[in-house]
Amino acid sequence: MMRRLTCFVMLLVLGACQEELVPSPEPALPPELVAQEKATQDCLKAGGTPVINGFGISICQVKTQDGGKSCSSSDDCEGFCLAEGQICTSHSPHFGCFETYGNGQRPTLCVD
């Protein structure tokens, strides 16, 4: 009987010495990823679409209110006046190489 009592007491003592398992905290994100996530969320809240430009940088692309409208120069548009069709771009910024239209000229513009 004494042996059982001793074993029981030892188990209680050993149980009290057990290290409490605490979940480890989530690893902190690097500041640049935190800033990028915030920029993405701000872009989405503004109705934009996050896109990656030619340099690998995330840019917020938004629809223009005058996209598809007839134009005679980029001054008539929120974005650019495209030479092909003389219409305003549907979003800004507008990436790639394209001809703009203004003052009777059609310069090619490349935007990364």
C-alpha atoms as a PDB file:
ATOM      1  CA  MET A   1       0.000   0.000   0.000  1.00  0.00           C
ATOM      2  CA  MET A   2       2.825   2.341   0.888  1.00  0.00           C
ATOM      3  CA  ARG A   3       4.496   1.579  -2.425  1.00  0.00           C
ATOM      4  CA  ARG A   4       1.327   2.604  -4.355  1.00  0.00           C
ATOM      5  CA  LEU A   5       1.051   5.807  -2.373  1.00  0.00           C
ATOM      6  CA  THR A   6       4.697   6.627  -3.058  1.00  0.00           C
ATOM      7  CA  CYS A   7       4.229   5.992  -6.775  1.00  0.00           C
ATOM      8  CA  PHE A   8       1.111   8.142  -6.823  1.00  0.00           C
ATOM      9  CA  VAL A   9       2.908  11.020  -5.063  1.00  0.00           C
ATOM     10  CA  MET A  10       5.869  10.723  -7.447  1.00  0.00           C
ATOM     11  CA  LEU A  11       3.553  10.872 -10.459  1.00  0.00           C
ATOM     12  CA  LEU A  12       1.929  14.000  -9.058  1.00  0.00           C
ATOM     13  CA  VAL A  13       5.329  15.612  -8.480  1.00  0.00           C
ATOM     14  CA  LEU A  14       6.556  14.684 -11.948  1.00  0.00           C
ATOM     15  CA  GLY A  15       3.329  15.943 -13.500  1.00  0.00           C
ATOM     16  CA  ALA A  16       3.807  19.290 -11.794  1.00  0.00           C
ATOM     17  CA  CYS A  17       7.283  19.561 -13.316  1.00  0.00           C
ATOM     18  CA  GLN A  18       6.020  19.195 -16.882  1.00  0.00           C
ATOM     19  CA  GLU A  19       6.698  22.182 -19.086  1.00  0.00           C
ATOM     20  CA  GLU A  20       3.516  23.901 -20.165  1.00  0.00           C
ATOM     21  CA  LEU A  21       3.123  23.808 -23.943  1.00  0.00           C
ATOM     22  CA  VAL A  22       2.567  27.311 -25.230  1.00  0.00           C
ATOM     23  CA  PRO A  23       1.918  27.773 -28.939  1.00  0.00           C
ATOM     24  CA  SER A  24       4.750  29.653 -30.600  1.00  0.00           C
ATOM     25  CA  PRO A  25       3.819  33.057 -31.995  1.00  0.00           C
ATOM     26  CA  GLU A  26       3.419  33.482 -35.742  1.00  0.00           C
ATOM     27  CA  PRO A  27       6.677  34.588 -37.340  1.00  0.00           C
ATOM     28  CA  ALA A  28       6.719  38.308 -38.078  1.00  0.00           C
ATOM     29  CA  LEU A  29       6.589  39.272 -41.751  1.00  0.00           C
ATOM     30  CA  PRO A  30       9.393  41.429 -43.141  1.00  0.00           C
ATOM     31  CA  PRO A  31       8.436  45.139 -43.230  1.00  0.00           C
ATOM     32  CA  GLU A  32       8.468  45.249 -47.047  1.00  0.00           C
ATOM     33  CA  LEU A  33       5.896  42.434 -47.238  1.00  0.00           C
ATOM     34  CA  VAL A  34       3.720  44.175 -44.649  1.00  0.00           C
ATOM     35  CA  ALA A  35       3.891  47.391 -46.722  1.00  0.00           C
ATOM     36  CA  GLN A  36       3.110  45.486 -49.942  1.00  0.00           C
ATOM     37  CA  GLU A  37       0.089  43.782 -48.347  1.00  0.00           C
ATOM     38  CA  LYS A  38      -1.203  47.144 -47.095  1.00  0.00           C
ATOM     39  CA  ALA A  39      -0.746  48.681 -50.563  1.00  0.00           C
ATOM     40  CA  THR A  40      -2.641  45.753 -52.115  1.00  0.00           C
ATOM     41  CA  GLN A  41      -5.519  46.128 -49.647  1.00  0.00           C
ATOM     42  CA  ASP A  42      -5.632  49.922 -50.217  1.00  0.00           C
ATOM     43  CA  CYS A  43      -5.704  49.354 -53.984  1.00  0.00           C
ATOM     44  CA  LEU A  44      -8.579  46.875 -53.744  1.00  0.00           C
ATOM     45  CA  LYS A  45     -10.531  49.231 -51.450  1.00  0.00           C
ATOM     46  CA  ALA A  46     -10.084  51.989 -54.061  1.00  0.00           C
ATOM     47  CA  GLY A  47     -11.577  49.717 -56.733  1.00  0.00           C
ATOM     48  CA  GLY A  48      -8.236  49.064 -58.406  1.00  0.00           C
ATOM     49  CA  THR A  49      -6.410  45.937 -59.444  1.00  0.00           C
ATOM     50  CA  PRO A  50      -2.871  45.255 -58.221  1.00  0.00           C
ATOM     51  CA  VAL A  51      -0.659  44.409 -61.235  1.00  0.00           C
ATOM     52  CA  ILE A  52       3.060  43.762 -61.582  1.00  0.00           C
ATOM     53  CA  ASN A  53       4.835  46.170 -63.922  1.00  0.00           C
ATOM     54  CA  GLY A  54       7.839  45.390 -66.129  1.00  0.00           C
ATOM     55  CA  PHE A  55      10.224  45.993 -63.225  1.00  0.00           C
ATOM     56  CA  GLY A  56       8.452  43.498 -60.941  1.00  0.00           C
ATOM     57  CA  ILE A  57       6.856  46.234 -58.830  1.00  0.00           C
ATOM     58  CA  SER A  58       3.214  46.000 -57.784  1.00  0.00           C
ATOM     59  CA  ILE A  59       1.198  48.955 -59.121  1.00  0.00           C
ATOM     60  CA  CYS A  60      -2.454  49.810 -58.529  1.00  0.00           C
ATOM     61  CA  GLN A  61      -4.259  49.938 -61.864  1.00  0.00           C
ATOM     62  CA  VAL A  62      -7.654  51.671 -61.817  1.00  0.00           C
ATOM     63  CA  LYS A  63     -10.378  51.972 -64.414  1.00  0.00           C
ATOM     64  CA  THR A  64     -10.699  55.400 -65.942  1.00  0.00           C
ATOM     65  CA  GLN A  65     -14.098  57.040 -66.066  1.00  0.00           C
ATOM     66  CA  ASP A  66     -13.585  58.154 -69.665  1.00  0.00           C
ATOM     67  CA  GLY A  67     -12.218  54.869 -71.063  1.00  0.00           C
ATOM     68  CA  GLY A  68     -13.328  54.399 -74.689  1.00  0.00           C
ATOM     69  CA  LYS A  69     -14.340  58.066 -75.056  1.00  0.00           C
ATOM     70  CA  SER A  70     -13.284  59.839 -78.260  1.00  0.00           C
ATOM     71  CA  CYS A  71     -10.275  62.136 -77.814  1.00  0.00           C
ATOM     72  CA  SER A  72      -8.005  64.462 -79.742  1.00  0.00           C
ATOM     73  CA  SER A  73      -5.109  64.412 -77.212  1.00  0.00           C
ATOM     74  CA  SER A  74      -4.173  62.878 -73.872  1.00  0.00           C
ATOM     75  CA  ASP A  75      -5.302  66.142 -72.246  1.00  0.00           C
ATOM     76  CA  ASP A  76      -8.851  64.955 -72.974  1.00  0.00           C
ATOM     77  CA  CYS A  77      -8.330  61.745 -70.951  1.00  0.00           C
ATOM     78  CA  GLU A  78      -7.598  60.559 -67.439  1.00  0.00           C
ATOM     79  CA  GLY A  79      -5.054  58.197 -69.007  1.00  0.00           C
ATOM     80  CA  PHE A  80      -3.773  58.415 -72.567  1.00  0.00           C
ATOM     81  CA  CYS A  81      -5.423  59.144 -75.903  1.00  0.00           C
ATOM     82  CA  LEU A  82      -4.615  56.107 -78.036  1.00  0.00           C
ATOM     83  CA  ALA A  83      -3.811  56.864 -81.665  1.00  0.00           C
ATOM     84  CA  GLU A  84      -5.608  53.714 -82.792  1.00  0.00           C
ATOM     85  CA  GLY A  85      -9.255  54.761 -82.754  1.00  0.00           C
ATOM     86  CA  GLN A  86      -8.479  58.054 -80.997  1.00  0.00           C
ATOM     87  CA  ILE A  87     -10.010  56.805 -77.749  1.00  0.00           C
ATOM     88  CA  CYS A  88      -9.033  57.196 -74.084  1.00  0.00           C
ATOM     89  CA  THR A  89      -7.413  54.247 -72.341  1.00  0.00           C
ATOM     90  CA  SER A  90      -9.747  52.187 -70.183  1.00  0.00           C
ATOM     91  CA  HIS A  91      -7.348  52.007 -67.234  1.00  0.00           C
ATOM     92  CA  SER A  92      -4.419  53.843 -65.720  1.00  0.00           C
ATOM     93  CA  PRO A  93      -1.553  53.279 -65.783  1.00  0.00           C
ATOM     94  CA  HIS A  94      -1.611  51.744 -69.249  1.00  0.00           C
ATOM     95  CA  PHE A  95       1.354  49.394 -69.753  1.00  0.00           C
ATOM     96  CA  GLY A  96       3.220  48.352 -72.859  1.00  0.00           C
ATOM     97  CA  CYS A  97       4.183  50.199 -76.040  1.00  0.00           C
ATOM     98  CA  PHE A  98       1.452  52.079 -77.881  1.00  0.00           C
ATOM     99  CA  GLU A  99       0.940  55.138 -80.030  1.00  0.00           C
ATOM    100  CA  THR A 100      -0.660  58.113 -78.371  1.00  0.00           C
ATOM    101  CA  TYR A 101      -2.435  60.859 -80.242  1.00  0.00           C
ATOM    102  CA  GLY A 102      -2.157  64.597 -79.777  1.00  0.00           C
ATOM    103  CA  ASN A 103      -1.686  67.737 -81.865  1.00  0.00           C
ATOM    104  CA  GLY A 104      -1.868  65.638 -85.031  1.00  0.00           C
ATOM    105  CA  GLN A 105       1.139  63.567 -83.942  1.00  0.00           C
ATOM    106  CA  ARG A 106       1.339  59.889 -83.059  1.00  0.00           C
ATOM    107  CA  PRO A 107       4.378  59.342 -80.817  1.00  0.00           C
ATOM    108  CA  THR A 108       5.019  55.830 -79.512  1.00  0.00           C
ATOM    109  CA  LEU A 109       5.114  55.576 -75.758  1.00  0.00           C
ATOM    110  CA  CYS A 110       6.386  52.585 -73.779  1.00  0.00           C
ATOM    111  CA  VAL A 111       5.323  52.246 -70.146  1.00  0.00           C
ATOM    112  CA  ASP A 112       6.690  49.516 -67.890  1.00  0.00           C
END
